[in-house]
C-alpha atoms as a PDB file:
ATOM      1  CA  UNK A   1      18.067   9.719 -29.212  1.00  0.00           C
ATOM      2  CA  UNK A   2      16.766   7.831 -26.200  1.00  0.00           C
ATOM      3  CA  UNK A   3      13.127   7.969 -25.308  1.00  0.00           C
ATOM      4  CA  UNK A   4      12.304   9.398 -21.888  1.00  0.00           C
ATOM      5  CA  UNK A   5      10.213   7.289 -19.567  1.00  0.00           C
ATOM      6  CA  UNK A   6       8.556  10.341 -18.019  1.00  0.00           C
ATOM      7  CA  UNK A   7       8.129  13.935 -19.006  1.00  0.00           C
ATOM      8  CA  UNK A   8       9.664  16.406 -16.562  1.00  0.00           C
ATOM      9  CA  UNK A   9       6.140  17.274 -15.346  1.00  0.00           C
ATOM     10  CA  UNK A  10       5.381  13.591 -14.696  1.00  0.00           C
ATOM     11  CA  UNK A  11       8.651  13.205 -12.806  1.00  0.00           C
ATOM     12  CA  UNK A  12       7.800  16.226 -10.625  1.00  0.00           C
ATOM     13  CA  UNK A  13       4.311  14.861  -9.956  1.00  0.00           C
ATOM     14  CA  UNK A  14       5.711  11.456  -9.015  1.00  0.00           C
ATOM     15  CA  UNK A  15       8.271  13.052  -6.698  1.00  0.00           C
ATOM     16  CA  UNK A  16       5.566  15.157  -5.047  1.00  0.00           C
ATOM     17  CA  UNK A  17       3.451  12.030  -4.510  1.00  0.00           C
ATOM     18  CA  UNK A  18       6.346  10.045  -3.001  1.00  0.00           C
ATOM     19  CA  UNK A  19       7.164  12.920  -0.659  1.00  0.00           C
ATOM     20  CA  UNK A  20       3.557  12.996   0.591  1.00  0.00           C
ATOM     21  CA  UNK A  21       3.402   9.298   1.512  1.00  0.00           C
ATOM     22  CA  UNK A  22       5.157   6.859   3.828  1.00  0.00           C
ATOM     23  CA  UNK A  23       6.377   3.499   2.612  1.00  0.00           C
ATOM     24  CA  UNK A  24       6.090   0.339   4.679  1.00  0.00           C
ATOM     25  CA  UNK A  25       7.654  -2.923   3.551  1.00  0.00           C
ATOM     26  CA  UNK A  26       6.641  -6.217   5.087  1.00  0.00           C
ATOM     27  CA  UNK A  27       8.158  -9.615   4.402  1.00  0.00           C
ATOM     28  CA  UNK A  28       5.954 -12.672   4.876  1.00  0.00           C
ATOM     29  CA  UNK A  29       6.069 -16.352   4.028  1.00  0.00           C
ATOM     30  CA  UNK A  30       5.408 -17.308   0.421  1.00  0.00           C
ATOM     31  CA  UNK A  31       1.709 -17.460  -0.341  1.00  0.00           C
ATOM     32  CA  UNK A  32       0.689 -14.999   2.370  1.00  0.00           C
ATOM     33  CA  UNK A  33       0.294 -12.120  -0.051  1.00  0.00           C
ATOM     34  CA  UNK A  34      -1.988 -14.115  -2.337  1.00  0.00           C
ATOM     35  CA  UNK A  35      -4.137 -15.213   0.632  1.00  0.00           C
ATOM     36  CA  UNK A  36      -4.413 -11.659   1.978  1.00  0.00           C
ATOM     37  CA  UNK A  37      -5.144 -10.218  -1.449  1.00  0.00           C
ATOM     38  CA  UNK A  38      -7.896 -12.788  -2.082  1.00  0.00           C
ATOM     39  CA  UNK A  39      -9.449 -11.996   1.296  1.00  0.00           C
ATOM     40  CA  UNK A  40      -9.351  -8.264   0.617  1.00  0.00           C
ATOM     41  CA  UNK A  41     -10.879  -8.640  -2.841  1.00  0.00           C
ATOM     42  CA  UNK A  42     -13.625 -10.884  -1.434  1.00  0.00           C
ATOM     43  CA  UNK A  43     -14.569  -7.971   0.809  1.00  0.00           C
ATOM     44  CA  UNK A  44     -14.385  -5.330  -1.934  1.00  0.00           C
ATOM     45  CA  UNK A  45     -11.049  -3.861  -0.871  1.00  0.00           C
ATOM     46  CA  UNK A  46      -7.592  -3.567  -2.304  1.00  0.00           C
ATOM     47  CA  UNK A  47      -4.756  -5.204  -0.419  1.00  0.00           C
ATOM     48  CA  UNK A  48      -3.579  -1.737   0.653  1.00  0.00           C
ATOM     49  CA  UNK A  49      -7.026  -0.814   1.970  1.00  0.00           C
ATOM     50  CA  UNK A  50      -7.321  -4.102   3.840  1.00  0.00           C
ATOM     51  CA  UNK A  51      -3.898  -3.774   5.475  1.00  0.00           C
ATOM     52  CA  UNK A  52      -4.566  -0.159   6.491  1.00  0.00           C
ATOM     53  CA  UNK A  53      -7.953  -1.117   7.977  1.00  0.00           C
ATOM     54  CA  UNK A  54      -6.522  -4.113   9.809  1.00  0.00           C
ATOM     55  CA  UNK A  55      -3.734  -2.030  11.329  1.00  0.00           C
ATOM     56  CA  UNK A  56      -6.069   0.790  12.359  1.00  0.00           C
ATOM     57  CA  UNK A  57      -8.508  -1.711  13.905  1.00  0.00           C
ATOM     58  CA  UNK A  58      -5.686  -3.317  15.882  1.00  0.00           C
ATOM     59  CA  UNK A  59      -4.445   0.058  17.125  1.00  0.00           C
ATOM     60  CA  UNK A  60      -7.979   0.904  18.245  1.00  0.00           C
ATOM     61  CA  UNK A  61      -8.380  -2.449  19.988  1.00  0.00           C
ATOM     62  CA  UNK A  62      -5.013  -2.056  21.737  1.00  0.00           C
ATOM     63  CA  UNK A  63      -5.977   1.400  22.968  1.00  0.00           C
ATOM     64  CA  UNK A  64      -9.297   0.168  24.384  1.00  0.00           C
ATOM     65  CA  UNK A  65      -7.591  -2.260  26.755  1.00  0.00           C
END
């Protein structure tokens, strides 16, 4: 008998989560991720939080001009 990775309830919860979010993939030069992550952590943020904030700030700045 093979062991399941997820229970059916966990699989449904994961599917519900994935359906409620958008995915954005970005490719950058080697080392960029580590530099961005270190910067984010130095400011008490996760990499995700930092990227979201940076994008929102840029959108706001673009709209002000």
